[in-house]
Amino acid sequence: MLSKVLEKSTCAKCKFCCSFRRCSLWETPLFPENTVEKLERHGSYQFDMNDDNGKYGRMHLQDSYNTDDENEEAPCFFLDPDKGCTLSYEDKPFDCKIWPLRIMKKDDEYVIALTPTCPSIGKEPSDELQKLVDDGLGDVIYDYAKTHPFIIKDYKEGFPVLMVRK
């Protein structure tokens, strides 16, 4: 979805968004229930299921840490260190498809915001990224969130807002 502003090869080399410190587990991608069931049938993956705002699963990464170091990172189950993401487009979580964008709730509004820690995009949205959001990607994200409200995160200070809706 973001190929106009972020090349897949750039993401495959970086992999920043595919590993998680304990403090960033809130960023772990969320999988719809039917995708969780499919992935669990075909592999030895463990998900934590939740039903707040819809049934979804989050990768259970807590057992993937080897030390007590809070800066240790655990990779996504589906990250191949050489090839990048091994999930099909169909199974890839929407969170991953729109990274480094997020839909967030800020007071009584829903915002599309940029995750400012993405090493490839940077802390501020480019004109090209803003145009992509304005020219339809923003509508796609809002529409998906209407039917999958579990992807809506609470707003975090410092995330530049690209679009706002009530």
N, C-alpha and C. Protein backbone atom coordinates (compact mmCIF):
# COMPACT_ATOMS: atom_id res chain seq x y z
N MET A 1 0.81 -1.20 0.00
CA MET A 1 0.00 0.00 0.00
C MET A 1 0.85 1.27 0.00
N LEU A 2 2.05 1.15 0.52
CA LEU A 2 2.91 2.32 0.62
C LEU A 2 4.06 2.29 -0.38
N SER A 3 3.94 1.45 -1.40
CA SER A 3 5.06 1.25 -2.33
C SER A 3 5.44 2.53 -3.08
N LYS A 4 4.57 3.52 -3.12
CA LYS A 4 4.91 4.78 -3.79
C LYS A 4 5.90 5.61 -2.97
N VAL A 5 5.99 5.33 -1.67
CA VAL A 5 6.90 6.11 -0.82
C VAL A 5 7.93 5.25 -0.08
N LEU A 6 7.75 3.93 -0.14
CA LEU A 6 8.63 3.05 0.60
C LEU A 6 8.80 1.75 -0.18
N GLU A 7 10.03 1.50 -0.64
CA GLU A 7 10.27 0.31 -1.44
C GLU A 7 10.34 -0.94 -0.56
N LYS A 8 9.83 -2.05 -1.08
CA LYS A 8 9.86 -3.31 -0.32
C LYS A 8 11.27 -3.71 0.02
N SER A 9 12.20 -3.46 -0.88
CA SER A 9 13.59 -3.84 -0.62
C SER A 9 14.17 -3.04 0.56
N THR A 10 13.75 -1.80 0.70
CA THR A 10 14.19 -0.99 1.84
C THR A 10 13.70 -1.61 3.13
N CYS A 11 12.43 -2.00 3.15
CA CYS A 11 11.86 -2.62 4.34
C CYS A 11 12.52 -3.97 4.64
N ALA A 12 12.76 -4.75 3.60
CA ALA A 12 13.36 -6.07 3.78
C ALA A 12 14.75 -5.97 4.40
N LYS A 13 15.49 -4.92 4.07
CA LYS A 13 16.83 -4.73 4.63
C LYS A 13 16.77 -4.21 6.06
N CYS A 14 15.79 -3.37 6.35
CA CYS A 14 15.70 -2.70 7.64
C CYS A 14 15.16 -3.61 8.74
N LYS A 15 13.96 -4.11 8.56
CA LYS A 15 13.27 -5.02 9.50
C LYS A 15 13.01 -4.41 10.87
N PHE A 16 13.13 -3.10 11.01
CA PHE A 16 12.91 -2.44 12.30
C PHE A 16 11.52 -2.72 12.86
N CYS A 17 10.53 -2.71 12.00
CA CYS A 17 9.15 -2.88 12.45
C CYS A 17 8.79 -4.34 12.72
N CYS A 18 9.74 -5.24 12.53
CA CYS A 18 9.46 -6.68 12.67
C CYS A 18 10.09 -7.29 13.90
N SER A 19 10.54 -6.47 14.83
CA SER A 19 11.06 -6.99 16.09
C SER A 19 10.59 -6.06 17.21
N PHE A 20 10.44 -6.64 18.39
CA PHE A 20 9.75 -5.92 19.45
C PHE A 20 10.45 -6.06 20.79
N ARG A 21 10.73 -4.92 21.41
CA ARG A 21 11.17 -4.92 22.80
C ARG A 21 9.93 -5.12 23.66
N ARG A 22 10.13 -5.48 24.89
CA ARG A 22 8.99 -5.68 25.79
C ARG A 22 8.11 -4.43 25.86
N CYS A 23 8.72 -3.26 25.85
CA CYS A 23 7.96 -2.01 25.96
C CYS A 23 7.19 -1.68 24.67
N SER A 24 7.49 -2.37 23.58
CA SER A 24 6.80 -2.07 22.32
C SER A 24 5.86 -3.20 21.88
N LEU A 25 5.51 -4.07 22.81
CA LEU A 25 4.59 -5.15 22.45
C LEU A 25 3.23 -4.62 22.02
N TRP A 26 2.88 -3.39 22.43
CA TRP A 26 1.62 -2.78 21.98
C TRP A 26 1.62 -2.59 20.47
N GLU A 27 2.80 -2.56 19.86
CA GLU A 27 2.92 -2.39 18.41
C GLU A 27 2.85 -3.71 17.65
N THR A 28 2.82 -4.83 18.37
CA THR A 28 2.76 -6.12 17.70
C THR A 28 1.53 -6.17 16.82
N PRO A 29 1.67 -6.59 15.56
CA PRO A 29 0.52 -6.61 14.66
C PRO A 29 -0.60 -7.52 15.15
N LEU A 30 -1.82 -7.12 14.83
CA LEU A 30 -3.01 -7.85 15.25
C LEU A 30 -3.58 -8.61 14.06
N PHE A 31 -3.90 -9.87 14.29
CA PHE A 31 -4.39 -10.76 13.24
C PHE A 31 -5.87 -11.04 13.47
N PRO A 32 -6.71 -10.92 12.44
CA PRO A 32 -8.11 -11.33 12.58
C PRO A 32 -8.19 -12.81 12.98
N GLU A 33 -9.24 -13.16 13.67
CA GLU A 33 -9.40 -14.52 14.21
C GLU A 33 -9.24 -15.60 13.14
N ASN A 34 -9.83 -15.42 11.97
CA ASN A 34 -9.74 -16.46 10.93
C ASN A 34 -8.31 -16.66 10.45
N THR A 35 -7.51 -15.59 10.42
CA THR A 35 -6.11 -15.72 10.02
C THR A 35 -5.31 -16.44 11.11
N VAL A 36 -5.60 -16.13 12.38
CA VAL A 36 -4.94 -16.82 13.50
C VAL A 36 -5.19 -18.32 13.39
N GLU A 37 -6.45 -18.70 13.19
CA GLU A 37 -6.78 -20.12 13.09
C GLU A 37 -6.03 -20.79 11.95
N LYS A 38 -5.96 -20.13 10.82
CA LYS A 38 -5.25 -20.68 9.65
C LYS A 38 -3.76 -20.83 9.95
N LEU A 39 -3.14 -19.81 10.52
CA LEU A 39 -1.70 -19.86 10.80
C LEU A 39 -1.37 -20.90 11.87
N GLU A 40 -2.22 -21.02 12.88
CA GLU A 40 -1.97 -22.03 13.92
C GLU A 40 -2.10 -23.45 13.37
N ARG A 41 -2.99 -23.65 12.42
CA ARG A 41 -3.14 -24.98 11.80
C ARG A 41 -1.90 -25.37 11.02
N HIS A 42 -1.22 -24.38 10.42
CA HIS A 42 -0.11 -24.67 9.52
C HIS A 42 1.27 -24.45 10.14
N GLY A 43 1.32 -24.19 11.44
CA GLY A 43 2.62 -23.98 12.08
C GLY A 43 2.50 -24.03 13.58
N SER A 44 3.61 -23.93 14.23
CA SER A 44 3.62 -24.00 15.70
C SER A 44 3.69 -22.58 16.28
N TYR A 45 2.77 -21.76 15.88
CA TYR A 45 2.72 -20.38 16.34
C TYR A 45 1.73 -20.26 17.48
N GLN A 46 2.05 -19.40 18.43
CA GLN A 46 1.14 -19.18 19.55
C GLN A 46 0.68 -17.73 19.53
N PHE A 47 -0.63 -17.55 19.63
CA PHE A 47 -1.23 -16.22 19.65
C PHE A 47 -2.00 -16.04 20.95
N ASP A 48 -2.03 -14.82 21.43
CA ASP A 48 -2.88 -14.46 22.55
C ASP A 48 -4.15 -13.88 21.95
N MET A 49 -5.27 -14.50 22.25
CA MET A 49 -6.55 -14.06 21.68
C MET A 49 -7.19 -13.03 22.59
N ASN A 50 -7.90 -12.11 21.95
CA ASN A 50 -8.59 -11.05 22.66
C ASN A 50 -9.89 -10.78 21.92
N ASP A 51 -10.87 -10.27 22.61
CA ASP A 51 -12.12 -9.94 21.92
C ASP A 51 -12.60 -8.53 22.23
N ASP A 52 -11.66 -7.64 22.55
CA ASP A 52 -12.01 -6.22 22.68
C ASP A 52 -12.18 -5.65 21.27
N ASN A 53 -13.35 -5.13 20.98
CA ASN A 53 -13.63 -4.52 19.67
C ASN A 53 -13.46 -5.51 18.52
N GLY A 54 -13.79 -6.76 18.73
CA GLY A 54 -13.67 -7.78 17.69
C GLY A 54 -12.67 -8.83 18.11
N LYS A 55 -12.81 -10.01 17.57
CA LYS A 55 -11.93 -11.13 17.93
C LYS A 55 -10.65 -11.04 17.10
N TYR A 56 -9.51 -11.03 17.80
CA TYR A 56 -8.23 -10.93 17.11
C TYR A 56 -7.15 -11.60 17.95
N GLY A 57 -6.02 -11.84 17.31
CA GLY A 57 -4.90 -12.45 18.01
C GLY A 57 -3.64 -11.62 17.86
N ARG A 58 -2.81 -11.70 18.87
CA ARG A 58 -1.51 -11.03 18.88
C ARG A 58 -0.47 -12.12 19.09
N MET A 59 0.64 -12.05 18.38
CA MET A 59 1.69 -13.04 18.56
C MET A 59 2.12 -13.08 20.02
N HIS A 60 2.28 -14.27 20.54
CA HIS A 60 2.74 -14.44 21.91
C HIS A 60 4.27 -14.44 21.87
N LEU A 61 4.85 -13.28 22.11
CA LEU A 61 6.31 -13.14 22.03
C LEU A 61 6.99 -13.21 23.39
N GLN A 62 6.23 -13.18 24.47
CA GLN A 62 6.82 -13.11 25.81
C GLN A 62 7.84 -14.23 26.06
N ASP A 63 7.62 -15.40 25.51
CA ASP A 63 8.54 -16.52 25.71
C ASP A 63 9.71 -16.51 24.73
N SER A 64 9.75 -15.51 23.85
CA SER A 64 10.81 -15.43 22.84
C SER A 64 12.04 -14.69 23.32
N TYR A 65 11.95 -14.03 24.48
CA TYR A 65 13.10 -13.30 25.00
C TYR A 65 14.04 -14.26 25.72
N ASN A 66 15.34 -14.06 25.54
CA ASN A 66 16.34 -14.95 26.13
C ASN A 66 16.96 -14.39 27.40
N THR A 67 16.79 -13.08 27.63
CA THR A 67 17.41 -12.43 28.78
C THR A 67 16.37 -11.55 29.48
N ASP A 68 16.80 -10.90 30.55
CA ASP A 68 15.95 -9.93 31.24
C ASP A 68 16.22 -8.51 30.74
N ASP A 69 17.09 -8.35 29.77
CA ASP A 69 17.44 -7.04 29.23
C ASP A 69 16.21 -6.43 28.57
N GLU A 70 15.80 -5.26 29.04
CA GLU A 70 14.59 -4.63 28.50
C GLU A 70 14.76 -4.17 27.06
N ASN A 71 16.00 -4.08 26.58
CA ASN A 71 16.25 -3.66 25.20
C ASN A 71 16.39 -4.83 24.23
N GLU A 72 16.33 -6.06 24.76
CA GLU A 72 16.38 -7.22 23.88
C GLU A 72 15.15 -7.21 22.97
N GLU A 73 15.34 -7.59 21.74
CA GLU A 73 14.25 -7.62 20.79
C GLU A 73 13.90 -9.06 20.41
N ALA A 74 12.60 -9.30 20.26
CA ALA A 74 12.12 -10.60 19.79
C ALA A 74 11.55 -10.39 18.40
N PRO A 75 11.99 -11.19 17.43
CA PRO A 75 11.49 -10.99 16.06
C PRO A 75 10.08 -11.55 15.89
N CYS A 76 9.39 -11.00 14.92
CA CYS A 76 8.10 -11.52 14.49
C CYS A 76 8.28 -12.98 14.09
N PHE A 77 7.27 -13.79 14.36
CA PHE A 77 7.32 -15.20 13.98
C PHE A 77 7.58 -15.37 12.48
N PHE A 78 7.14 -14.43 11.70
CA PHE A 78 7.12 -14.58 10.25
C PHE A 78 8.25 -13.82 9.55
N LEU A 79 9.25 -13.43 10.32
CA LEU A 79 10.39 -12.72 9.75
C LEU A 79 11.51 -13.69 9.44
N ASP A 80 11.83 -13.79 8.16
CA ASP A 80 12.99 -14.56 7.73
C ASP A 80 14.14 -13.55 7.65
N PRO A 81 15.25 -13.78 8.35
CA PRO A 81 16.32 -12.78 8.38
C PRO A 81 16.91 -12.45 7.01
N ASP A 82 16.77 -13.35 6.06
CA ASP A 82 17.32 -13.10 4.74
C ASP A 82 16.28 -12.62 3.73
N LYS A 83 15.05 -13.09 3.86
CA LYS A 83 14.02 -12.79 2.86
C LYS A 83 12.98 -11.78 3.31
N GLY A 84 12.95 -11.47 4.59
CA GLY A 84 11.93 -10.57 5.11
C GLY A 84 10.67 -11.35 5.50
N CYS A 85 9.51 -10.74 5.30
CA CYS A 85 8.25 -11.34 5.73
C CYS A 85 7.91 -12.57 4.89
N THR A 86 7.52 -13.64 5.56
CA THR A 86 7.17 -14.88 4.87
C THR A 86 5.67 -15.05 4.68
N LEU A 87 4.88 -14.10 5.19
CA LEU A 87 3.43 -14.20 5.06
C LEU A 87 2.97 -13.82 3.65
N SER A 88 1.90 -14.46 3.20
CA SER A 88 1.29 -14.05 1.95
C SER A 88 0.62 -12.70 2.16
N TYR A 89 0.34 -11.99 1.10
CA TYR A 89 -0.34 -10.70 1.22
C TYR A 89 -1.69 -10.89 1.92
N GLU A 90 -2.35 -11.97 1.63
CA GLU A 90 -3.66 -12.27 2.23
C GLU A 90 -3.56 -12.43 3.75
N ASP A 91 -2.50 -13.05 4.24
CA ASP A 91 -2.36 -13.32 5.66
C ASP A 91 -1.65 -12.20 6.42
N LYS A 92 -0.99 -11.32 5.70
CA LYS A 92 -0.25 -10.24 6.36
C LYS A 92 -1.22 -9.32 7.08
N PRO A 93 -0.96 -9.01 8.35
CA PRO A 93 -1.87 -8.13 9.09
C PRO A 93 -1.96 -6.75 8.45
N PHE A 94 -3.12 -6.15 8.56
CA PHE A 94 -3.33 -4.82 8.03
C PHE A 94 -2.34 -3.83 8.66
N ASP A 95 -2.05 -4.02 9.97
CA ASP A 95 -1.05 -3.17 10.64
C ASP A 95 0.25 -3.15 9.85
N CYS A 96 0.67 -4.30 9.36
CA CYS A 96 1.93 -4.40 8.62
C CYS A 96 1.80 -3.77 7.23
N LYS A 97 0.65 -3.93 6.62
CA LYS A 97 0.44 -3.38 5.28
C LYS A 97 0.51 -1.87 5.26
N ILE A 98 0.15 -1.23 6.37
CA ILE A 98 0.14 0.24 6.38
C ILE A 98 1.30 0.85 7.18
N TRP A 99 2.16 0.00 7.76
CA TRP A 99 3.29 0.52 8.52
C TRP A 99 4.12 1.44 7.67
N PRO A 100 4.55 2.58 8.14
CA PRO A 100 4.57 3.08 9.49
C PRO A 100 3.37 3.98 9.86
N LEU A 101 2.27 3.81 9.16
CA LEU A 101 1.06 4.54 9.53
C LEU A 101 0.29 3.76 10.58
N ARG A 102 -0.47 4.46 11.37
CA ARG A 102 -1.33 3.88 12.39
C ARG A 102 -2.64 4.64 12.40
N ILE A 103 -3.72 3.93 12.70
CA ILE A 103 -4.96 4.63 13.00
C ILE A 103 -5.09 4.64 14.52
N MET A 104 -5.36 5.83 15.04
CA MET A 104 -5.35 6.00 16.49
C MET A 104 -6.56 6.82 16.93
N LYS A 105 -6.94 6.63 18.17
CA LYS A 105 -8.03 7.43 18.75
C LYS A 105 -7.40 8.50 19.61
N LYS A 106 -7.73 9.74 19.28
CA LYS A 106 -7.22 10.89 20.01
C LYS A 106 -8.42 11.70 20.46
N ASP A 107 -8.71 11.65 21.75
CA ASP A 107 -9.91 12.29 22.30
C ASP A 107 -11.13 11.69 21.61
N ASP A 108 -11.94 12.50 20.93
CA ASP A 108 -13.13 11.98 20.26
C ASP A 108 -12.95 11.88 18.74
N GLU A 109 -11.69 11.86 18.31
CA GLU A 109 -11.39 11.80 16.88
C GLU A 109 -10.54 10.57 16.57
N TYR A 110 -10.61 10.17 15.32
CA TYR A 110 -9.75 9.10 14.82
C TYR A 110 -8.74 9.74 13.89
N VAL A 111 -7.48 9.43 14.11
CA VAL A 111 -6.43 10.06 13.32
C VAL A 111 -5.57 8.99 12.65
N ILE A 112 -5.08 9.35 11.49
CA ILE A 112 -4.05 8.53 10.86
C ILE A 112 -2.75 9.25 11.15
N ALA A 113 -1.85 8.53 11.80
CA ALA A 113 -0.60 9.14 12.25
C ALA A 113 0.59 8.33 11.76
N LEU A 114 1.70 9.00 11.68
CA LEU A 114 2.97 8.38 11.29
C LEU A 114 3.72 7.93 12.54
N THR A 115 4.19 6.69 12.53
CA THR A 115 5.05 6.21 13.61
C THR A 115 6.42 6.85 13.39
N PRO A 116 6.84 7.74 14.29
CA PRO A 116 8.04 8.53 14.03
C PRO A 116 9.35 7.78 14.19
N THR A 117 9.30 6.52 14.55
CA THR A 117 10.54 5.75 14.74
C THR A 117 10.96 4.96 13.51
N CYS A 118 10.16 5.00 12.44
CA CYS A 118 10.53 4.27 11.22
C CYS A 118 11.81 4.88 10.65
N PRO A 119 12.90 4.09 10.60
CA PRO A 119 14.16 4.63 10.10
C PRO A 119 14.12 5.05 8.63
N SER A 120 13.23 4.47 7.84
CA SER A 120 13.20 4.76 6.41
C SER A 120 12.35 5.98 6.07
N ILE A 121 11.28 6.20 6.79
CA ILE A 121 10.39 7.34 6.52
C ILE A 121 10.84 8.57 7.30
N GLY A 122 11.22 8.38 8.56
CA GLY A 122 11.65 9.49 9.39
C GLY A 122 10.57 9.98 10.33
N LYS A 123 10.87 11.05 11.03
CA LYS A 123 9.98 11.57 12.06
C LYS A 123 8.84 12.42 11.51
N GLU A 124 8.98 12.92 10.32
CA GLU A 124 7.96 13.79 9.73
C GLU A 124 7.51 13.23 8.39
N PRO A 125 6.21 13.32 8.10
CA PRO A 125 5.72 12.80 6.82
C PRO A 125 6.19 13.65 5.65
N SER A 126 6.56 12.98 4.59
CA SER A 126 6.95 13.68 3.37
C SER A 126 5.69 14.16 2.65
N ASP A 127 5.86 15.06 1.70
CA ASP A 127 4.73 15.50 0.89
C ASP A 127 4.11 14.33 0.13
N GLU A 128 4.96 13.38 -0.32
CA GLU A 128 4.47 12.22 -1.06
C GLU A 128 3.60 11.32 -0.17
N LEU A 129 4.02 11.12 1.08
CA LEU A 129 3.24 10.31 2.01
C LEU A 129 1.91 10.99 2.32
N GLN A 130 1.94 12.29 2.57
CA GLN A 130 0.71 13.03 2.83
C GLN A 130 -0.24 12.92 1.65
N LYS A 131 0.29 13.05 0.44
CA LYS A 131 -0.54 12.95 -0.77
C LYS A 131 -1.15 11.55 -0.89
N LEU A 132 -0.38 10.53 -0.60
CA LEU A 132 -0.87 9.15 -0.65
C LEU A 132 -2.05 8.96 0.31
N VAL A 133 -1.93 9.49 1.51
CA VAL A 133 -3.01 9.40 2.50
C VAL A 133 -4.22 10.19 2.01
N ASP A 134 -3.99 11.40 1.53
CA ASP A 134 -5.09 12.27 1.06
C ASP A 134 -5.79 11.72 -0.18
N ASP A 135 -5.06 11.02 -1.02
CA ASP A 135 -5.60 10.54 -2.30
C ASP A 135 -6.25 9.15 -2.22
N GLY A 136 -6.55 8.67 -1.03
CA GLY A 136 -7.29 7.43 -0.95
C GLY A 136 -6.84 6.45 0.11
N LEU A 137 -5.55 6.44 0.44
CA LEU A 137 -5.09 5.49 1.44
C LEU A 137 -5.75 5.76 2.80
N GLY A 138 -5.93 7.02 3.12
CA GLY A 138 -6.61 7.36 4.37
C GLY A 138 -8.00 6.76 4.44
N ASP A 139 -8.75 6.84 3.33
CA ASP A 139 -10.09 6.25 3.29
C ASP A 139 -10.05 4.74 3.45
N VAL A 140 -9.07 4.09 2.84
CA VAL A 140 -8.91 2.63 2.97
C VAL A 140 -8.67 2.27 4.44
N ILE A 141 -7.83 3.03 5.11
CA ILE A 141 -7.52 2.75 6.52
C ILE A 141 -8.75 2.96 7.39
N TYR A 142 -9.45 4.06 7.20
CA TYR A 142 -10.66 4.31 7.99
C TYR A 142 -11.72 3.24 7.74
N ASP A 143 -11.89 2.85 6.48
CA ASP A 143 -12.89 1.83 6.16
C ASP A 143 -12.55 0.49 6.81
N TYR A 144 -11.28 0.12 6.78
CA TYR A 144 -10.87 -1.14 7.41
C TYR A 144 -11.12 -1.08 8.92
N ALA A 145 -10.81 0.05 9.52
CA ALA A 145 -10.99 0.20 10.97
C ALA A 145 -12.45 0.13 11.38
N LYS A 146 -13.35 0.52 10.50
CA LYS A 146 -14.79 0.42 10.81
C LYS A 146 -15.21 -1.03 11.02
N THR A 147 -14.66 -1.93 10.22
CA THR A 147 -15.03 -3.35 10.33
C THR A 147 -14.06 -4.15 11.20
N HIS A 148 -12.93 -3.56 11.52
CA HIS A 148 -11.91 -4.22 12.37
C HIS A 148 -11.42 -3.20 13.41
N PRO A 149 -12.29 -2.77 14.31
CA PRO A 149 -11.92 -1.69 15.24
C PRO A 149 -10.77 -2.03 16.18
N PHE A 150 -10.42 -3.31 16.27
CA PHE A 150 -9.31 -3.69 17.14
C PHE A 150 -7.98 -3.12 16.68
N ILE A 151 -7.87 -2.66 15.43
CA ILE A 151 -6.58 -2.11 14.97
C ILE A 151 -6.38 -0.67 15.44
N ILE A 152 -7.40 -0.06 16.00
CA ILE A 152 -7.29 1.34 16.44
C ILE A 152 -6.51 1.38 17.76
N LYS A 153 -5.40 2.08 17.73
CA LYS A 153 -4.55 2.22 18.91
C LYS A 153 -4.88 3.54 19.62
N ASP A 154 -4.52 3.64 20.88
CA ASP A 154 -4.62 4.92 21.58
C ASP A 154 -3.52 5.82 21.06
N TYR A 155 -3.84 7.10 20.89
CA TYR A 155 -2.86 8.06 20.38
C TYR A 155 -1.67 8.19 21.32
N LYS A 156 -0.50 8.25 20.74
CA LYS A 156 0.74 8.47 21.49
C LYS A 156 1.31 9.83 21.08
N GLU A 157 1.67 10.62 22.08
CA GLU A 157 2.27 11.92 21.80
C GLU A 157 3.51 11.76 20.92
N GLY A 158 3.69 12.70 20.00
CA GLY A 158 4.85 12.67 19.13
C GLY A 158 4.60 11.99 17.80
N PHE A 159 3.41 11.39 17.61
CA PHE A 159 3.08 10.78 16.33
C PHE A 159 2.44 11.85 15.43
N PRO A 160 3.12 12.27 14.36
CA PRO A 160 2.55 13.30 13.50
C PRO A 160 1.23 12.83 12.86
N VAL A 161 0.21 13.67 12.93
CA VAL A 161 -1.10 13.35 12.40
C VAL A 161 -1.19 13.80 10.95
N LEU A 162 -1.65 12.87 10.09
CA LEU A 162 -1.79 13.17 8.67
C LEU A 162 -3.24 13.39 8.26
N MET A 163 -4.20 12.82 9.03
CA MET A 163 -5.61 12.93 8.67
C MET A 163 -6.43 12.77 9.95
N VAL A 164 -7.56 13.47 10.00
CA VAL A 164 -8.43 13.43 11.18
C VAL A 164 -9.87 13.19 10.74
N ARG A 165 -10.56 12.34 11.48
CA ARG A 165 -12.01 12.12 11.28
C ARG A 165 -12.69 12.01 12.63
N LYS A 166 -13.94 12.39 12.66
CA LYS A 166 -14.74 12.25 13.90
C LYS A 166 -15.26 10.85 14.01
